[in-house]
Every structure is written in C-alpha cells, then in structure tokens.
C-alpha atoms as a PDB file:
ATOM      1  CA  MET A   1      42.156  40.030 119.079  1.00  0.00           C
ATOM      2  CA  ALA A   2      45.320  40.301 116.998  1.00  0.00           C
ATOM      3  CA  ASP A   3      43.288  41.020 113.873  1.00  0.00           C
ATOM      4  CA  ASP A   4      41.498  44.001 115.735  1.00  0.00           C
ATOM      5  CA  ASN A   5      45.038  45.268 116.697  1.00  0.00           C
ATOM      6  CA  LYS A   6      46.253  45.001 113.178  1.00  0.00           C
ATOM      7  CA  ARG A   7      43.280  46.835 111.763  1.00  0.00           C
ATOM      8  CA  GLU A   8      43.541  49.505 114.286  1.00  0.00           C
ATOM      9  CA  ASP A   9      47.295  49.850 113.545  1.00  0.00           C
ATOM     10  CA  ASP A  10      46.517  50.040 109.759  1.00  0.00           C
ATOM     11  CA  ALA A  11      43.859  52.651 110.265  1.00  0.00           C
ATOM     12  CA  ALA A  12      46.201  54.657 112.609  1.00  0.00           C
ATOM     13  CA  GLN A  13      49.012  54.464 109.912  1.00  0.00           C
ATOM     14  CA  ALA A  14      46.569  55.363 107.196  1.00  0.00           C
ATOM     15  CA  TYR A  15      45.281  58.449 109.218  1.00  0.00           C
ATOM     16  CA  TRP A  16      48.808  59.589 109.896  1.00  0.00           C
ATOM     17  CA  GLN A  17      49.742  59.245 106.198  1.00  0.00           C
ATOM     18  CA  ALA A  18      46.776  61.350 105.289  1.00  0.00           C
ATOM     19  CA  ASN A  19      47.655  63.938 107.910  1.00  0.00           C
ATOM     20  CA  VAL A  20      51.258  64.193 106.590  1.00  0.00           C
ATOM     21  CA  ARG A  21      50.116  64.394 103.051  1.00  0.00           C
ATOM     22  CA  LEU A  22      47.812  67.383 103.845  1.00  0.00           C
ATOM     23  CA  LEU A  23      50.512  69.141 105.880  1.00  0.00           C
ATOM     24  CA  ILE A  24      53.029  68.774 103.112  1.00  0.00           C
ATOM     25  CA  THR A  25      50.528  69.972 100.453  1.00  0.00           C
ATOM     26  CA  LEU A  26      49.652  72.961 102.658  1.00  0.00           C
ATOM     27  CA  LEU A  27      53.421  73.639 103.362  1.00  0.00           C
ATOM     28  CA  VAL A  28      54.034  73.688  99.530  1.00  0.00           C
ATOM     29  CA  ALA A  29      51.240  76.018  98.973  1.00  0.00           C
ATOM     30  CA  TRP A  30      52.473  78.240 101.913  1.00  0.00           C
ATOM     31  CA  PHE A  31      56.000  78.327 100.236  1.00  0.00           C
ATOM     32  CA  ALA A  32      54.457  79.109  96.864  1.00  0.00           C
ATOM     33  CA  VAL A  33      52.451  82.012  98.306  1.00  0.00           C
ATOM     34  CA  SER A  34      55.139  83.487 100.438  1.00  0.00           C
ATOM     35  CA  PHE A  35      58.391  82.847  98.815  1.00  0.00           C
ATOM     36  CA  GLY A  36      57.237  82.219  95.256  1.00  0.00           C
ATOM     37  CA  LEU A  37      54.722  85.117  94.558  1.00  0.00           C
ATOM     38  CA  GLY A  38      56.278  87.443  97.335  1.00  0.00           C
ATOM     39  CA  ILE A  39      59.925  87.222  96.337  1.00  0.00           C
ATOM     40  CA  ILE A  40      60.809  85.104  93.420  1.00  0.00           C
ATOM     41  CA  LEU A  41      57.964  86.165  90.979  1.00  0.00           C
ATOM     42  CA  ALA A  42      57.672  89.846  92.516  1.00  0.00           C
ATOM     43  CA  PRO A  43      59.565  91.504  89.558  1.00  0.00           C
ATOM     44  CA  TRP A  44      57.289  90.125  87.073  1.00  0.00           C
ATOM     45  CA  LEU A  45      54.086  90.672  89.128  1.00  0.00           C
ATOM     46  CA  ASN A  46      55.223  94.262  89.697  1.00  0.00           C
ATOM     47  CA  LEU A  47      54.284  94.960  85.973  1.00  0.00           C
ATOM     48  CA  ILE A  48      50.749  94.529  87.103  1.00  0.00           C
ATOM     49  CA  GLN A  49      49.072  97.198  89.142  1.00  0.00           C
ATOM     50  CA  LEU A  50      46.418  96.415  91.842  1.00  0.00           C
ATOM     51  CA  GLY A  51      44.853  99.531  93.189  1.00  0.00           C
ATOM     52  CA  GLY A  52      47.743 101.576  92.203  1.00  0.00           C
ATOM     53  CA  VAL A  53      50.149  99.229  93.874  1.00  0.00           C
ATOM     54  CA  PRO A  54      52.493  96.749  92.049  1.00  0.00           C
ATOM     55  CA  LEU A  55      51.153  93.285  92.426  1.00  0.00           C
ATOM     56  CA  GLY A  56      54.343  91.747  93.671  1.00  0.00           C
ATOM     57  CA  PHE A  57      54.482  94.329  96.451  1.00  0.00           C
ATOM     58  CA  TRP A  58      50.808  93.593  97.282  1.00  0.00           C
ATOM     59  CA  PHE A  59      51.506  89.782  97.409  1.00  0.00           C
ATOM     60  CA  ALA A  60      54.492  90.333  99.743  1.00  0.00           C
ATOM     61  CA  GLN A  61      52.616  92.585 102.000  1.00  0.00           C
ATOM     62  CA  GLN A  62      48.912  91.624 101.971  1.00  0.00           C
ATOM     63  CA  GLY A  63      48.322  88.631  99.726  1.00  0.00           C
ATOM     64  CA  SER A  64      50.585  86.271 101.690  1.00  0.00           C
ATOM     65  CA  ILE A  65      48.494  87.149 104.822  1.00  0.00           C
ATOM     66  CA  TYR A  66      45.309  86.314 102.857  1.00  0.00           C
ATOM     67  CA  GLY A  67      46.984  83.093 101.613  1.00  0.00           C
ATOM     68  CA  PHE A  68      47.978  82.147 105.043  1.00  0.00           C
ATOM     69  CA  ILE A  69      44.456  82.642 106.502  1.00  0.00           C
ATOM     70  CA  ALA A  70      43.110  80.617 103.625  1.00  0.00           C
ATOM     71  CA  ILE A  71      45.493  77.743 104.236  1.00  0.00           C
ATOM     72  CA  ILE A  72      44.418  77.783 107.932  1.00  0.00           C
ATOM     73  CA  PHE A  73      40.775  77.461 106.946  1.00  0.00           C
ATOM     74  CA  ILE A  74      41.506  74.771 104.404  1.00  0.00           C
ATOM     75  CA  TYR A  75      43.640  72.840 107.140  1.00  0.00           C
ATOM     76  CA  VAL A  76      40.631  73.107 109.656  1.00  0.00           C
ATOM     77  CA  VAL A  77      38.046  71.971 107.163  1.00  0.00           C
ATOM     78  CA  ARG A  78      40.180  69.076 105.627  1.00  0.00           C
ATOM     79  CA  MET A  79      41.262  67.883 109.181  1.00  0.00           C
ATOM     80  CA  ASN A  80      37.752  67.772 110.367  1.00  0.00           C
ATOM     81  CA  ALA A  81      36.866  65.671 107.316  1.00  0.00           C
ATOM     82  CA  LEU A  82      39.927  63.424 107.831  1.00  0.00           C
ATOM     83  CA  ASP A  83      39.080  62.945 111.621  1.00  0.00           C
ATOM     84  CA  ARG A  84      35.379  62.105 110.824  1.00  0.00           C
ATOM     85  CA  ARG A  85      36.575  59.679 108.122  1.00  0.00           C
ATOM     86  CA  PHE A  86      38.867  57.880 110.627  1.00  0.00           C
ATOM     87  CA  GLY A  87      36.295  58.149 113.455  1.00  0.00           C
ATOM     88  CA  VAL A  88      38.682  60.237 115.802  1.00  0.00           C
ATOM     89  CA  TYR A  89      36.626  63.476 115.696  1.00  0.00           C
ATOM     90  CA  GLU A  90      35.605  65.644 118.740  1.00  0.00           C
ATOM     91  CA  ASP A  91      32.022  66.862 119.248  1.00  0.00           C
END
C-alpha cells in the first residue's frame, strides 16, 4: 500500500514538473514574440517590408496575435499528450 502511494506521488510530481516545464517554455516563447520581436527587435525588423508595412510594426500588431494563437494550440496539443502519458486525460 505504501509503495502504491509512493508511485502515485512520484507520478504526480513528474506530471507537475512536466506541466511547469511546458508552461515556462511557452511563456518564454510568448515573451520572445511579444516583447522581443514587437519591441526590442522592431527597429531592425522595420528594415524589412511585409506587404508594404515594416516587419517590426507587423509583428507588434499582427504577428504577436498569430504567435499567441499558435502558443495556445501548442499548449492544447502538448497538454493532451501529457495527460495521456500520465493517465489523467478526459474523454
């Protein structure tokens, strides 16, 4: 009985660590897209035109939105895979 509890605790801790690792990775990606491309690198990106609009401006206005949507989809797919791996998925 104690061994079963230990295994469940270890599995829960591994699940939580994988979850936090995924969240940190996606938060770094979110920061890179929104702050990095939209603000910090905007002057350099503005040297490139995309449809007649400076690329830095495009990332600040449109690209970051596409990035956020991609991050949401990545989170959903990766969390579903993580849930299935640890047996906590919902049907």
